[in-house]
PDB file of N, CA and C in Angstrom:
ATOM      1  N   MET A   1      -4.119  12.297 -11.488  1.00  0.00           N
ATOM      2  CA  MET A   1      -3.490  12.765 -10.271  1.00  0.00           C
ATOM      3  C   MET A   1      -3.252  11.570  -9.349  1.00  0.00           C
ATOM      4  N   SER A   2      -2.062  11.474  -8.822  1.00  0.00           N
ATOM      5  CA  SER A   2      -1.706  10.363  -7.941  1.00  0.00           C
ATOM      6  C   SER A   2      -2.290  10.551  -6.553  1.00  0.00           C
ATOM      7  N   LYS A   3      -2.653   9.442  -5.963  1.00  0.00           N
ATOM      8  CA  LYS A   3      -3.115   9.465  -4.581  1.00  0.00           C
ATOM      9  C   LYS A   3      -1.888   9.392  -3.682  1.00  0.00           C
ATOM     10  N   THR A   4      -2.017   9.943  -2.492  1.00  0.00           N
ATOM     11  CA  THR A   4      -0.921   9.897  -1.536  1.00  0.00           C
ATOM     12  C   THR A   4      -1.421   9.417  -0.187  1.00  0.00           C
ATOM     13  N   TYR A   5      -0.473   9.012   0.637  1.00  0.00           N
ATOM     14  CA  TYR A   5      -0.767   8.590   2.002  1.00  0.00           C
ATOM     15  C   TYR A   5       0.315   9.185   2.886  1.00  0.00           C
ATOM     16  N   THR A   6      -0.087   9.823   3.971  1.00  0.00           N
ATOM     17  CA  THR A   6       0.858  10.383   4.926  1.00  0.00           C
ATOM     18  C   THR A   6       0.982   9.418   6.093  1.00  0.00           C
ATOM     19  N   THR A   7       2.204   8.996   6.360  1.00  0.00           N
ATOM     20  CA  THR A   7       2.433   7.976   7.378  1.00  0.00           C
ATOM     21  C   THR A   7       2.145   8.478   8.786  1.00  0.00           C
ATOM     22  N   VAL A   8       1.814   7.521   9.616  1.00  0.00           N
ATOM     23  CA  VAL A   8       1.611   7.714  11.047  1.00  0.00           C
ATOM     24  C   VAL A   8       2.742   6.962  11.733  1.00  0.00           C
ATOM     25  N   GLN A   9       3.225   7.470  12.856  1.00  0.00           N
ATOM     26  CA  GLN A   9       4.298   6.801  13.581  1.00  0.00           C
ATOM     27  C   GLN A   9       3.996   5.317  13.756  1.00  0.00           C
ATOM     28  N   GLY A  10       4.930   4.463  13.328  1.00  0.00           N
ATOM     29  CA  GLY A  10       4.763   3.025  13.480  1.00  0.00           C
ATOM     30  C   GLY A  10       4.229   2.308  12.255  1.00  0.00           C
ATOM     31  N   ASP A  11       3.823   3.047  11.223  1.00  0.00           N
ATOM     32  CA  ASP A  11       3.373   2.400   9.983  1.00  0.00           C
ATOM     33  C   ASP A  11       4.483   1.530   9.407  1.00  0.00           C
ATOM     34  N   MET A  12       4.086   0.438   8.757  1.00  0.00           N
ATOM     35  CA  MET A  12       5.033  -0.423   8.050  1.00  0.00           C
ATOM     36  C   MET A  12       4.506  -0.663   6.641  1.00  0.00           C
ATOM     37  N   TRP A  13       5.411  -1.008   5.737  1.00  0.00           N
ATOM     38  CA  TRP A  13       5.050  -1.169   4.328  1.00  0.00           C
ATOM     39  C   TRP A  13       3.869  -2.113   4.118  1.00  0.00           C
ATOM     40  N   ASP A  14       3.915  -3.274   4.756  1.00  0.00           N
ATOM     41  CA  ASP A  14       2.869  -4.263   4.506  1.00  0.00           C
ATOM     42  C   ASP A  14       1.501  -3.794   4.972  1.00  0.00           C
ATOM     43  N   ASN A  15       1.459  -3.094   6.088  1.00  0.00           N
ATOM     44  CA  ASN A  15       0.187  -2.586   6.593  1.00  0.00           C
ATOM     45  C   ASN A  15      -0.353  -1.465   5.704  1.00  0.00           C
ATOM     46  N   ILE A  16       0.528  -0.624   5.214  1.00  0.00           N
ATOM     47  CA  ILE A  16       0.095   0.448   4.308  1.00  0.00           C
ATOM     48  C   ILE A  16      -0.462  -0.159   3.026  1.00  0.00           C
ATOM     49  N   ALA A  17       0.228  -1.156   2.473  1.00  0.00           N
ATOM     50  CA  ALA A  17      -0.256  -1.814   1.253  1.00  0.00           C
ATOM     51  C   ALA A  17      -1.630  -2.439   1.489  1.00  0.00           C
ATOM     52  N   PHE A  18      -1.799  -3.082   2.641  1.00  0.00           N
ATOM     53  CA  PHE A  18      -3.075  -3.727   2.943  1.00  0.00           C
ATOM     54  C   PHE A  18      -4.200  -2.711   3.119  1.00  0.00           C
ATOM     55  N   THR A  19      -3.966  -1.687   3.940  1.00  0.00           N
ATOM     56  CA  THR A  19      -5.048  -0.741   4.245  1.00  0.00           C
ATOM     57  C   THR A  19      -5.342   0.231   3.105  1.00  0.00           C
ATOM     58  N   GLN A  20      -4.314   0.613   2.347  1.00  0.00           N
ATOM     59  CA  GLN A  20      -4.513   1.628   1.312  1.00  0.00           C
ATOM     60  C   GLN A  20      -4.726   1.057  -0.087  1.00  0.00           C
ATOM     61  N   LEU A  21      -4.157  -0.129  -0.345  1.00  0.00           N
ATOM     62  CA  LEU A  21      -4.262  -0.706  -1.686  1.00  0.00           C
ATOM     63  C   LEU A  21      -5.122  -1.957  -1.726  1.00  0.00           C
ATOM     64  N   GLY A  22      -5.485  -2.474  -0.551  1.00  0.00           N
ATOM     65  CA  GLY A  22      -6.396  -3.601  -0.501  1.00  0.00           C
ATOM     66  C   GLY A  22      -5.762  -4.959  -0.303  1.00  0.00           C
ATOM     67  N   SER A  23      -4.424  -5.031  -0.388  1.00  0.00           N
ATOM     68  CA  SER A  23      -3.761  -6.319  -0.209  1.00  0.00           C
ATOM     69  C   SER A  23      -2.280  -6.098   0.075  1.00  0.00           C
ATOM     70  N   SER A  24      -1.739  -6.902   0.962  1.00  0.00           N
ATOM     71  CA  SER A  24      -0.302  -6.812   1.230  1.00  0.00           C
ATOM     72  C   SER A  24       0.509  -7.369   0.053  1.00  0.00           C
ATOM     73  N   GLU A  25      -0.160  -7.992  -0.900  1.00  0.00           N
ATOM     74  CA  GLU A  25       0.515  -8.479  -2.105  1.00  0.00           C
ATOM     75  C   GLU A  25       1.037  -7.328  -2.970  1.00  0.00           C
ATOM     76  N   TYR A  26       0.570  -6.118  -2.731  1.00  0.00           N
ATOM     77  CA  TYR A  26       1.025  -4.942  -3.478  1.00  0.00           C
ATOM     78  C   TYR A  26       2.229  -4.278  -2.818  1.00  0.00           C
ATOM     79  N   LEU A  27       2.835  -4.944  -1.873  1.00  0.00           N
ATOM     80  CA  LEU A  27       3.979  -4.410  -1.142  1.00  0.00           C
ATOM     81  C   LEU A  27       5.096  -3.980  -2.086  1.00  0.00           C
ATOM     82  N   ASP A  28       5.503  -4.839  -3.014  1.00  0.00           N
ATOM     83  CA  ASP A  28       6.587  -4.511  -3.939  1.00  0.00           C
ATOM     84  C   ASP A  28       6.249  -3.313  -4.820  1.00  0.00           C
ATOM     85  N   VAL A  29       5.010  -3.250  -5.278  1.00  0.00           N
ATOM     86  CA  VAL A  29       4.579  -2.138  -6.127  1.00  0.00           C
ATOM     87  C   VAL A  29       4.638  -0.830  -5.332  1.00  0.00           C
ATOM     88  N   LEU A  30       4.206  -0.877  -4.086  1.00  0.00           N
ATOM     89  CA  LEU A  30       4.233   0.309  -3.232  1.00  0.00           C
ATOM     90  C   LEU A  30       5.667   0.777  -2.982  1.00  0.00           C
ATOM     91  N   ILE A  31       6.549  -0.147  -2.657  1.00  0.00           N
ATOM     92  CA  ILE A  31       7.950   0.216  -2.409  1.00  0.00           C
ATOM     93  C   ILE A  31       8.588   0.777  -3.682  1.00  0.00           C
ATOM     94  N   ASN A  32       8.336   0.148  -4.826  1.00  0.00           N
ATOM     95  CA  ASN A  32       8.911   0.634  -6.079  1.00  0.00           C
ATOM     96  C   ASN A  32       8.396   2.014  -6.464  1.00  0.00           C
ATOM     97  N   SER A  33       7.221   2.377  -5.998  1.00  0.00           N
ATOM     98  CA  SER A  33       6.678   3.706  -6.263  1.00  0.00           C
ATOM     99  C   SER A  33       7.241   4.760  -5.319  1.00  0.00           C
ATOM    100  N   ASN A  34       7.935   4.309  -4.290  1.00  0.00           N
ATOM    101  CA  ASN A  34       8.477   5.214  -3.267  1.00  0.00           C
ATOM    102  C   ASN A  34       9.906   4.804  -2.916  1.00  0.00           C
ATOM    103  N   ARG A  35      10.748   4.663  -3.949  1.00  0.00           N
ATOM    104  CA  ARG A  35      12.088   4.102  -3.778  1.00  0.00           C
ATOM    105  C   ARG A  35      12.967   4.884  -2.802  1.00  0.00           C
ATOM    106  N   LYS A  36      12.777   6.174  -2.680  1.00  0.00           N
ATOM    107  CA  LYS A  36      13.658   6.925  -1.782  1.00  0.00           C
ATOM    108  C   LYS A  36      13.400   6.602  -0.311  1.00  0.00           C
ATOM    109  N   TYR A  37      12.297   5.935  -0.015  1.00  0.00           N
ATOM    110  CA  TYR A  37      11.987   5.540   1.370  1.00  0.00           C
ATOM    111  C   TYR A  37      12.170   4.043   1.605  1.00  0.00           C
ATOM    112  N   ARG A  38      12.747   3.325   0.655  1.00  0.00           N
ATOM    113  CA  ARG A  38      12.837   1.861   0.734  1.00  0.00           C
ATOM    114  C   ARG A  38      13.660   1.361   1.909  1.00  0.00           C
ATOM    115  N   GLU A  39      14.491   2.203   2.491  1.00  0.00           N
ATOM    116  CA  GLU A  39      15.308   1.795   3.638  1.00  0.00           C
ATOM    117  C   GLU A  39      14.505   1.763   4.944  1.00  0.00           C
ATOM    118  N   TYR A  40      13.345   2.368   4.943  1.00  0.00           N
ATOM    119  CA  TYR A  40      12.504   2.371   6.149  1.00  0.00           C
ATOM    120  C   TYR A  40      11.850   1.014   6.338  1.00  0.00           C
ATOM    121  N   TYR A  41      11.801   0.575   7.559  1.00  0.00           N
ATOM    122  CA  TYR A  41      11.042  -0.621   7.928  1.00  0.00           C
ATOM    123  C   TYR A  41       9.816  -0.179   8.716  1.00  0.00           C
ATOM    124  N   ILE A  42      10.053   0.678   9.701  1.00  0.00           N
ATOM    125  CA  ILE A  42       8.977   1.299  10.486  1.00  0.00           C
ATOM    126  C   ILE A  42       9.073   2.796  10.241  1.00  0.00           C
ATOM    127  N   PHE A  43       7.960   3.387   9.794  1.00  0.00           N
ATOM    128  CA  PHE A  43       7.963   4.798   9.424  1.00  0.00           C
ATOM    129  C   PHE A  43       7.750   5.727  10.613  1.00  0.00           C
ATOM    130  N   PRO A  44       8.381   6.901  10.546  1.00  0.00           N
ATOM    131  CA  PRO A  44       8.007   7.979  11.456  1.00  0.00           C
ATOM    132  C   PRO A  44       6.744   8.648  10.895  1.00  0.00           C
ATOM    133  N   ALA A  45       6.151   9.518  11.644  1.00  0.00           N
ATOM    134  CA  ALA A  45       4.965  10.239  11.174  1.00  0.00           C
ATOM    135  C   ALA A  45       5.361  11.296  10.149  1.00  0.00           C
ATOM    136  N   GLY A  46       4.472  11.534   9.190  1.00  0.00           N
ATOM    137  CA  GLY A  46       4.609  12.670   8.293  1.00  0.00           C
ATOM    138  C   GLY A  46       5.263  12.434   6.952  1.00  0.00           C
ATOM    139  N   ILE A  47       5.628  11.219   6.604  1.00  0.00           N
ATOM    140  CA  ILE A  47       6.197  10.956   5.285  1.00  0.00           C
ATOM    141  C   ILE A  47       5.049  10.743   4.307  1.00  0.00           C
ATOM    142  N   VAL A  48       5.111  11.463   3.189  1.00  0.00           N
ATOM    143  CA  VAL A  48       4.053  11.366   2.181  1.00  0.00           C
ATOM    144  C   VAL A  48       4.478  10.366   1.120  1.00  0.00           C
ATOM    145  N   LEU A  49       3.738   9.279   1.024  1.00  0.00           N
ATOM    146  CA  LEU A  49       4.004   8.227   0.052  1.00  0.00           C
ATOM    147  C   LEU A  49       3.036   8.337  -1.118  1.00  0.00           C
ATOM    148  N   THR A  50       3.523   8.007  -2.297  1.00  0.00           N
ATOM    149  CA  THR A  50       2.676   7.939  -3.482  1.00  0.00           C
ATOM    150  C   THR A  50       2.048   6.562  -3.543  1.00  0.00           C
ATOM    151  N   LEU A  51       0.744   6.512  -3.707  1.00  0.00           N
ATOM    152  CA  LEU A  51       0.032   5.239  -3.821  1.00  0.00           C
ATOM    153  C   LEU A  51      -0.145   4.905  -5.294  1.00  0.00           C
ATOM    154  N   PRO A  52       0.418   3.791  -5.746  1.00  0.00           N
ATOM    155  CA  PRO A  52       0.299   3.424  -7.163  1.00  0.00           C
ATOM    156  C   PRO A  52      -1.103   2.949  -7.506  1.00  0.00           C
ATOM    157  N   ASP A  53      -1.429   3.046  -8.780  1.00  0.00           N
ATOM    158  CA  ASP A  53      -2.692   2.472  -9.256  1.00  0.00           C
ATOM    159  C   ASP A  53      -2.511   0.962  -9.336  1.00  0.00           C
ATOM    160  N   VAL A  54      -3.439   0.245  -8.776  1.00  0.00           N
ATOM    161  CA  VAL A  54      -3.399  -1.218  -8.820  1.00  0.00           C
ATOM    162  C   VAL A  54      -4.738  -1.719  -9.321  1.00  0.00           C
ATOM    163  N   PRO A  55      -4.737  -2.862  -9.988  1.00  0.00           N
ATOM    164  CA  PRO A  55      -6.006  -3.397 -10.470  1.00  0.00           C
ATOM    165  C   PRO A  55      -6.890  -3.828  -9.312  1.00  0.00           C
ATOM    166  N   ALA A  56      -8.164  -3.661  -9.486  1.00  0.00           N
ATOM    167  CA  ALA A  56      -9.113  -4.105  -8.459  1.00  0.00           C
ATOM    168  C   ALA A  56      -9.087  -5.626  -8.442  1.00  0.00           C
ATOM    169  N   SER A  57      -8.886  -6.179  -7.270  1.00  0.00           N
ATOM    170  CA  SER A  57      -8.878  -7.636  -7.164  1.00  0.00           C
ATOM    171  C   SER A  57     -10.030  -8.076  -6.281  1.00  0.00           C
ATOM    172  N   VAL A  58     -10.510  -9.244  -6.566  1.00  0.00           N
ATOM    173  CA  VAL A  58     -11.602  -9.803  -5.782  1.00  0.00           C
ATOM    174  C   VAL A  58     -11.081 -11.080  -5.137  1.00  0.00           C
ATOM    175  N   SER A  59     -11.298 -11.218  -3.889  1.00  0.00           N
ATOM    176  CA  SER A  59     -10.824 -12.383  -3.145  1.00  0.00           C
ATOM    177  C   SER A  59     -11.439 -13.659  -3.692  1.00  0.00           C
ATOM    178  N   SER A  60     -10.642 -14.718  -3.698  1.00  0.00           N
ATOM    179  CA  SER A  60     -11.156 -16.005  -4.163  1.00  0.00           C
ATOM    180  C   SER A  60     -12.177 -16.579  -3.199  1.00  0.00           C
ATOM    181  N   THR A  61     -12.272 -16.013  -1.997  1.00  0.00           N
ATOM    182  CA  THR A  61     -13.270 -16.469  -1.036  1.00  0.00           C
ATOM    183  C   THR A  61     -14.573 -15.686  -1.170  1.00  0.00           C
ATOM    184  N   ALA A  62     -14.595 -14.756  -2.114  1.00  0.00           N
ATOM    185  CA  ALA A  62     -15.808 -13.973  -2.337  1.00  0.00           C
ATOM    186  C   ALA A  62     -16.878 -14.864  -2.976  1.00  0.00           C
ATOM    187  N   PRO A  63     -18.132 -14.537  -2.750  1.00  0.00           N
ATOM    188  CA  PRO A  63     -19.198 -15.319  -3.384  1.00  0.00           C
ATOM    189  C   PRO A  63     -19.080 -15.233  -4.909  1.00  0.00           C
ATOM    190  N   PRO A  64     -19.599 -16.208  -5.625  1.00  0.00           N
ATOM    191  CA  PRO A  64     -19.457 -16.257  -7.086  1.00  0.00           C
ATOM    192  C   PRO A  64     -19.911 -14.988  -7.803  1.00  0.00           C
ATOM    193  N   TRP A  65     -20.938 -14.311  -7.333  1.00  0.00           N
ATOM    194  CA  TRP A  65     -21.436 -13.127  -8.015  1.00  0.00           C
ATOM    195  C   TRP A  65     -20.500 -11.930  -7.841  1.00  0.00           C
ATOM    196  N   LYS A  66     -19.485 -12.031  -6.954  1.00  0.00           N
ATOM    197  CA  LYS A  66     -18.514 -10.950  -6.785  1.00  0.00           C
ATOM    198  C   LYS A  66     -17.176 -11.264  -7.435  1.00  0.00           C
ATOM    199  N   ARG A  67     -17.014 -12.450  -8.011  1.00  0.00           N
ATOM    200  CA  ARG A  67     -15.748 -12.833  -8.645  1.00  0.00           C
ATOM    201  C   ARG A  67     -15.655 -12.312 -10.041  1.00  0.00           C
TER     202      ARG A  67
END
């Protein structure tokens, strides 16, 4: 079952990718999963986006035991 996110007024793609997927690097994956909304830059409230599955990533600044 896919996860979803319902936008709040003022949401933007990069912030949604960061807060919901863990990194703004997943921006392209998020947009490609929600192509019908790709024209939005700033979202209105109430749009339901599909959150894609992304691999768990660990920051390179994490301590060695978390890499």
